Amino acid sequence: MAAEKLFAEQGLDAVSTRMIARAAGQKNNSALQYHFANRDSLVEAILDYRVSPVNQQRLKRLQQLQAIEKPISTRALVEVFVRPFAEELLKPIVDTYYVSLLAQLYAYQRGRELYLRDRERARALHSISALLIRKLAPLPQPVVHLRLQFMGRQTINAVAEWDEARRQQSIELDERTLAWRTENLVDFIVAGMQAPDSSAKILRSTARAETI
């Protein structure tokens, strides 16, 4: 899509419907407005087209995992979340402009809400998150929820950075290199998800200070 490329190269906020229509070879933007009421509708269409297959791949791997591994490890759940998205970079660069769009959306609360509000599109994310919340139950729920947000942002931003680097030809992202980078990303996220909760000390000291 012309819109994906423009959003990736110029930024979500800098692209108008007129610019998209021109890039798509339309003489005016009436055709674009006919199909998409506004820019959010266009972004939703891109997400449905690009992210839904990733969601389906995650669900498929999660079902396979549930059939063979009990109990499921934290690492296995993180891998189900990370790998299908990272493996998108095995596709030609013309098919991964949307990765930059996701990184831009995740930088803002409204963008995250737009991404997550379609529960079917985000079904795998919700399923994996629910399993991780139970797996990490010894940690306070607010801590686990925050770490889940970190996992989402870190995954999207890392893959977006790799995608940009291969476009700039600063890295050669063949299957082996991508596998190595993905393995390191999974290591990093798993360590963070399972780390002891040091923030509890801060909360306790704050509570004591408030009672003095």
Foldseek 3Di string as FASTA:
>chain_A
DLVLQCCLPPNDVVDALQNSCVSVVHPGSPVVCVVAVGVLSVLLVVLCVQQQVLLVQLVVQVVVCVVPDPPDDLLSLLCSVQVSVLCVLQDPLVNPSCLSVLLRLLVDPVSVCSNCVPCSSCVSVVVSLVSLCVVQVVDDSVLLVVLSSVSVNLRSVVSSVVSVCVVVPVDDDHPVNSVVVSVVSSVVSSCSNNPDDPCVVVVVVVVVVVVD
